[in-house]
N, C-alpha and C. Protein backbone atom coordinates (compact mmCIF):
# COMPACT_ATOMS: atom_id res chain seq x y z
N MET A 1 10.38 -1.46 -5.39
CA MET A 1 10.16 -2.67 -6.15
C MET A 1 8.81 -2.55 -6.85
N THR A 2 8.78 -2.85 -8.13
CA THR A 2 7.55 -2.75 -8.91
C THR A 2 6.82 -4.09 -8.93
N LYS A 3 5.60 -4.07 -9.43
CA LYS A 3 4.82 -5.30 -9.55
C LYS A 3 5.54 -6.31 -10.45
N ALA A 4 6.14 -5.83 -11.53
CA ALA A 4 6.87 -6.70 -12.45
C ALA A 4 8.06 -7.36 -11.75
N GLU A 5 8.73 -6.61 -10.89
CA GLU A 5 9.86 -7.17 -10.14
C GLU A 5 9.40 -8.21 -9.12
N VAL A 6 8.24 -7.97 -8.51
CA VAL A 6 7.67 -8.95 -7.58
C VAL A 6 7.36 -10.24 -8.34
N VAL A 7 6.72 -10.12 -9.49
CA VAL A 7 6.39 -11.29 -10.31
C VAL A 7 7.67 -12.04 -10.69
N ALA A 8 8.68 -11.32 -11.13
CA ALA A 8 9.94 -11.95 -11.54
C ALA A 8 10.59 -12.71 -10.38
N GLU A 9 10.56 -12.14 -9.19
CA GLU A 9 11.17 -12.81 -8.04
C GLU A 9 10.39 -14.06 -7.64
N ILE A 10 9.07 -14.00 -7.70
CA ILE A 10 8.25 -15.18 -7.39
C ILE A 10 8.50 -16.28 -8.41
N VAL A 11 8.59 -15.91 -9.69
CA VAL A 11 8.88 -16.88 -10.75
C VAL A 11 10.22 -17.56 -10.48
N GLU A 12 11.22 -16.76 -10.12
CA GLU A 12 12.56 -17.28 -9.86
C GLU A 12 12.58 -18.24 -8.67
N LYS A 13 11.84 -17.88 -7.61
CA LYS A 13 11.88 -18.69 -6.38
C LYS A 13 10.99 -19.93 -6.44
N THR A 14 9.92 -19.89 -7.24
CA THR A 14 8.98 -21.02 -7.26
C THR A 14 9.08 -21.87 -8.51
N GLY A 15 9.54 -21.30 -9.60
CA GLY A 15 9.60 -22.04 -10.85
C GLY A 15 8.27 -22.11 -11.58
N VAL A 16 7.26 -21.41 -11.08
CA VAL A 16 5.95 -21.36 -11.72
C VAL A 16 6.04 -20.42 -12.93
N GLU A 17 5.26 -20.70 -13.96
CA GLU A 17 5.30 -19.88 -15.17
C GLU A 17 4.94 -18.43 -14.87
N ARG A 18 5.62 -17.52 -15.58
CA ARG A 18 5.43 -16.08 -15.38
C ARG A 18 3.97 -15.67 -15.57
N ILE A 19 3.30 -16.20 -16.58
CA ILE A 19 1.92 -15.81 -16.87
C ILE A 19 0.98 -16.18 -15.72
N VAL A 20 1.25 -17.31 -15.08
CA VAL A 20 0.43 -17.77 -13.95
C VAL A 20 0.66 -16.87 -12.74
N VAL A 21 1.92 -16.60 -12.45
CA VAL A 21 2.26 -15.74 -11.31
C VAL A 21 1.68 -14.34 -11.52
N GLN A 22 1.80 -13.82 -12.73
CA GLN A 22 1.29 -12.49 -13.02
C GLN A 22 -0.23 -12.44 -12.82
N ALA A 23 -0.94 -13.49 -13.26
CA ALA A 23 -2.39 -13.54 -13.08
C ALA A 23 -2.76 -13.59 -11.60
N VAL A 24 -2.02 -14.34 -10.81
CA VAL A 24 -2.30 -14.45 -9.37
C VAL A 24 -2.06 -13.11 -8.68
N VAL A 25 -0.96 -12.46 -9.00
CA VAL A 25 -0.65 -11.16 -8.38
C VAL A 25 -1.72 -10.14 -8.77
N GLU A 26 -2.11 -10.12 -10.03
CA GLU A 26 -3.16 -9.18 -10.49
C GLU A 26 -4.47 -9.45 -9.76
N GLN A 27 -4.84 -10.71 -9.62
CA GLN A 27 -6.10 -11.05 -8.95
C GLN A 27 -6.05 -10.71 -7.47
N PHE A 28 -4.88 -10.91 -6.83
CA PHE A 28 -4.74 -10.52 -5.43
C PHE A 28 -5.00 -9.02 -5.28
N CYS A 29 -4.37 -8.23 -6.14
CA CYS A 29 -4.57 -6.77 -6.09
C CYS A 29 -6.03 -6.41 -6.33
N ASN A 30 -6.68 -7.08 -7.29
CA ASN A 30 -8.09 -6.81 -7.58
C ASN A 30 -8.98 -7.18 -6.40
N VAL A 31 -8.71 -8.31 -5.75
CA VAL A 31 -9.51 -8.73 -4.59
C VAL A 31 -9.37 -7.71 -3.47
N VAL A 32 -8.14 -7.25 -3.22
CA VAL A 32 -7.92 -6.25 -2.17
C VAL A 32 -8.69 -4.97 -2.49
N LYS A 33 -8.54 -4.46 -3.72
CA LYS A 33 -9.23 -3.22 -4.11
C LYS A 33 -10.75 -3.36 -4.05
N THR A 34 -11.26 -4.46 -4.61
CA THR A 34 -12.71 -4.66 -4.65
C THR A 34 -13.31 -4.72 -3.26
N ASN A 35 -12.72 -5.50 -2.39
CA ASN A 35 -13.28 -5.66 -1.05
C ASN A 35 -13.09 -4.42 -0.19
N MET A 36 -12.00 -3.71 -0.37
CA MET A 36 -11.81 -2.48 0.41
C MET A 36 -12.78 -1.39 -0.04
N THR A 37 -13.11 -1.34 -1.34
CA THR A 37 -14.09 -0.35 -1.79
C THR A 37 -15.49 -0.69 -1.30
N LYS A 38 -15.71 -1.94 -0.90
CA LYS A 38 -16.99 -2.34 -0.29
C LYS A 38 -17.00 -2.04 1.21
N GLY A 39 -15.87 -1.60 1.75
CA GLY A 39 -15.79 -1.28 3.17
C GLY A 39 -15.25 -2.41 4.02
N GLU A 40 -14.79 -3.50 3.40
CA GLU A 40 -14.27 -4.63 4.15
C GLU A 40 -12.76 -4.49 4.36
N ASN A 41 -12.30 -4.90 5.52
CA ASN A 41 -10.87 -4.95 5.79
C ASN A 41 -10.36 -6.35 5.46
N ILE A 42 -9.07 -6.46 5.15
CA ILE A 42 -8.47 -7.74 4.80
C ILE A 42 -7.35 -8.03 5.77
N TYR A 43 -7.41 -9.20 6.43
CA TYR A 43 -6.42 -9.58 7.43
C TYR A 43 -5.63 -10.78 6.94
N ILE A 44 -4.31 -10.65 6.85
CA ILE A 44 -3.43 -11.75 6.45
C ILE A 44 -2.50 -12.01 7.62
N ARG A 45 -2.75 -13.11 8.33
CA ARG A 45 -2.01 -13.45 9.54
C ARG A 45 -0.50 -13.53 9.26
N GLY A 46 0.29 -12.88 10.09
CA GLY A 46 1.74 -12.89 9.96
C GLY A 46 2.27 -11.86 8.97
N PHE A 47 1.39 -11.24 8.20
CA PHE A 47 1.81 -10.25 7.20
C PHE A 47 1.29 -8.87 7.58
N GLY A 48 -0.03 -8.73 7.66
CA GLY A 48 -0.60 -7.45 8.04
C GLY A 48 -2.05 -7.33 7.61
N SER A 49 -2.58 -6.13 7.76
CA SER A 49 -3.98 -5.87 7.46
C SER A 49 -4.12 -4.69 6.51
N PHE A 50 -4.98 -4.85 5.54
CA PHE A 50 -5.37 -3.76 4.66
C PHE A 50 -6.67 -3.23 5.26
N ILE A 51 -6.64 -1.99 5.76
CA ILE A 51 -7.79 -1.45 6.47
C ILE A 51 -8.24 -0.12 5.88
N ASN A 52 -9.49 0.21 6.13
CA ASN A 52 -10.03 1.51 5.76
C ASN A 52 -9.97 2.40 6.99
N LYS A 53 -9.21 3.49 6.91
CA LYS A 53 -9.10 4.42 8.03
C LYS A 53 -10.02 5.61 7.78
N LYS A 54 -10.70 6.02 8.83
CA LYS A 54 -11.59 7.16 8.72
C LYS A 54 -10.83 8.45 9.04
N ARG A 55 -10.95 9.41 8.16
CA ARG A 55 -10.39 10.73 8.38
C ARG A 55 -11.54 11.66 8.78
N ALA A 56 -11.34 12.41 9.82
CA ALA A 56 -12.38 13.29 10.35
C ALA A 56 -12.58 14.51 9.44
N LYS A 57 -13.75 15.11 9.58
CA LYS A 57 -14.04 16.35 8.86
C LYS A 57 -13.08 17.42 9.37
N LYS A 58 -12.56 18.26 8.45
CA LYS A 58 -11.63 19.29 8.87
C LYS A 58 -11.72 20.51 7.97
N THR A 59 -11.18 21.60 8.46
CA THR A 59 -11.11 22.84 7.71
C THR A 59 -9.70 22.99 7.16
N ALA A 60 -9.62 23.32 5.89
CA ALA A 60 -8.32 23.51 5.24
C ALA A 60 -8.32 24.88 4.57
N ARG A 61 -7.16 25.27 4.05
CA ARG A 61 -7.05 26.56 3.39
C ARG A 61 -6.68 26.38 1.93
N ASN A 62 -7.35 27.14 1.06
CA ASN A 62 -6.97 27.24 -0.33
C ASN A 62 -6.04 28.45 -0.40
N ILE A 63 -4.76 28.20 -0.46
CA ILE A 63 -3.77 29.27 -0.36
C ILE A 63 -3.87 30.26 -1.52
N SER A 64 -4.13 29.75 -2.73
CA SER A 64 -4.17 30.65 -3.89
C SER A 64 -5.33 31.64 -3.81
N LYS A 65 -6.45 31.24 -3.22
CA LYS A 65 -7.60 32.14 -3.10
C LYS A 65 -7.76 32.70 -1.69
N ASN A 66 -6.92 32.21 -0.76
CA ASN A 66 -6.98 32.63 0.64
C ASN A 66 -8.38 32.44 1.22
N THR A 67 -8.94 31.26 1.00
CA THR A 67 -10.25 30.95 1.54
C THR A 67 -10.19 29.65 2.32
N ALA A 68 -11.14 29.49 3.21
CA ALA A 68 -11.25 28.25 3.98
C ALA A 68 -12.17 27.29 3.23
N ILE A 69 -11.81 26.02 3.22
CA ILE A 69 -12.67 25.01 2.62
C ILE A 69 -12.87 23.89 3.64
N ILE A 70 -14.00 23.25 3.54
CA ILE A 70 -14.33 22.14 4.43
C ILE A 70 -14.06 20.84 3.69
N ILE A 71 -13.28 19.97 4.32
CA ILE A 71 -13.05 18.63 3.77
C ILE A 71 -13.88 17.68 4.62
N ASP A 72 -14.86 17.05 3.97
CA ASP A 72 -15.75 16.14 4.69
C ASP A 72 -15.00 14.92 5.21
N ALA A 73 -15.60 14.25 6.18
CA ALA A 73 -15.03 13.00 6.68
C ALA A 73 -15.02 11.99 5.54
N HIS A 74 -13.97 11.20 5.48
CA HIS A 74 -13.84 10.22 4.40
C HIS A 74 -12.93 9.08 4.84
N TYR A 75 -12.90 8.05 4.04
CA TYR A 75 -12.06 6.89 4.34
C TYR A 75 -10.90 6.82 3.36
N VAL A 76 -9.74 6.37 3.86
CA VAL A 76 -8.57 6.16 3.01
C VAL A 76 -8.03 4.76 3.27
N PRO A 77 -7.51 4.10 2.23
CA PRO A 77 -6.94 2.77 2.46
C PRO A 77 -5.60 2.88 3.17
N ALA A 78 -5.33 1.90 4.03
CA ALA A 78 -4.06 1.90 4.77
C ALA A 78 -3.61 0.45 4.96
N PHE A 79 -2.33 0.30 5.22
CA PHE A 79 -1.78 -1.02 5.51
C PHE A 79 -1.18 -0.98 6.90
N LYS A 80 -1.54 -1.94 7.73
CA LYS A 80 -0.99 -2.05 9.08
C LYS A 80 -0.24 -3.37 9.15
N PRO A 81 1.09 -3.33 9.25
CA PRO A 81 1.85 -4.58 9.28
C PRO A 81 1.62 -5.36 10.57
N ALA A 82 1.76 -6.69 10.49
CA ALA A 82 1.67 -7.53 11.68
C ALA A 82 2.85 -7.22 12.59
N LYS A 83 2.70 -7.48 13.87
CA LYS A 83 3.76 -7.17 14.83
C LYS A 83 5.07 -7.86 14.47
N THR A 84 5.00 -9.13 14.05
CA THR A 84 6.22 -9.86 13.71
C THR A 84 6.88 -9.27 12.47
N PHE A 85 6.08 -8.87 11.50
CA PHE A 85 6.59 -8.26 10.27
C PHE A 85 7.28 -6.93 10.59
N ALA A 86 6.61 -6.09 11.39
CA ALA A 86 7.17 -4.78 11.75
C ALA A 86 8.46 -4.95 12.55
N ALA A 87 8.50 -5.94 13.44
CA ALA A 87 9.70 -6.17 14.25
C ALA A 87 10.85 -6.62 13.37
N GLU A 88 10.58 -7.45 12.38
CA GLU A 88 11.62 -7.93 11.46
C GLU A 88 12.19 -6.78 10.64
N VAL A 89 11.33 -5.89 10.16
CA VAL A 89 11.79 -4.73 9.40
C VAL A 89 12.64 -3.83 10.29
N LYS A 90 12.15 -3.59 11.49
CA LYS A 90 12.88 -2.72 12.43
C LYS A 90 14.26 -3.28 12.74
N LYS A 91 14.34 -4.60 12.85
CA LYS A 91 15.61 -5.26 13.18
C LYS A 91 16.59 -5.26 12.01
N ASN A 92 16.10 -5.46 10.78
CA ASN A 92 16.97 -5.70 9.64
C ASN A 92 17.22 -4.51 8.72
N VAL A 93 16.31 -3.55 8.66
CA VAL A 93 16.46 -2.44 7.71
C VAL A 93 17.27 -1.31 8.36
N THR A 94 18.28 -0.87 7.64
CA THR A 94 19.10 0.24 8.10
C THR A 94 19.15 1.30 6.99
N ASP A 95 19.72 2.44 7.30
CA ASP A 95 19.86 3.50 6.29
C ASP A 95 20.71 3.04 5.12
N LYS A 96 21.63 2.13 5.38
CA LYS A 96 22.54 1.67 4.33
C LYS A 96 21.86 0.81 3.28
N ASN A 97 20.83 0.03 3.68
CA ASN A 97 20.22 -0.87 2.69
C ASN A 97 18.86 -0.40 2.19
N VAL A 98 18.44 0.80 2.52
CA VAL A 98 17.19 1.34 1.99
C VAL A 98 17.50 2.09 0.70
N LYS A 99 16.81 1.68 -0.36
CA LYS A 99 17.00 2.35 -1.65
C LYS A 99 16.15 3.60 -1.69
N GLN A 100 16.76 4.71 -2.02
CA GLN A 100 16.05 5.98 -2.11
C GLN A 100 15.35 6.07 -3.46
N THR A 101 14.11 6.55 -3.45
CA THR A 101 13.40 6.74 -4.70
C THR A 101 13.62 8.17 -5.18
N LYS A 102 13.58 8.33 -6.49
CA LYS A 102 13.76 9.65 -7.06
C LYS A 102 12.48 10.46 -6.88
N LYS A 103 12.64 11.70 -6.49
CA LYS A 103 11.47 12.57 -6.33
C LYS A 103 11.03 13.04 -7.71
N ARG A 104 9.73 13.03 -7.91
CA ARG A 104 9.18 13.49 -9.19
C ARG A 104 9.06 15.00 -9.18
N LYS A 105 9.32 15.58 -10.32
CA LYS A 105 9.17 17.04 -10.45
C LYS A 105 7.71 17.34 -10.72
N LYS A 106 7.21 18.39 -10.06
CA LYS A 106 5.83 18.82 -10.29
C LYS A 106 5.75 19.57 -11.59
N LYS A 107 4.70 19.31 -12.34
CA LYS A 107 4.51 19.98 -13.64
C LYS A 107 3.77 21.26 -13.49
């Protein structure tokens, strides 16, 4: 589901103008991005948490040059669903109703 589809569904269910819903969705995304880049986590009760996860320093391989490279410790954004949300997905989602996304070809 794309952002445009989310906006369209909210418009359909609430009757609020598309331009207003689109602005709210955009601002929600901006607030999440802005605060997470500041190192803050965002907790939405009953939905889940947008958190910064720390990845440890590690050694990796550059296969084309056959050399070892060091990847420093860093943070990545992650989403952790609330227990009730995760339980609902586990209960209701099956292989039959999951839409498969098309794999992109590498250039």
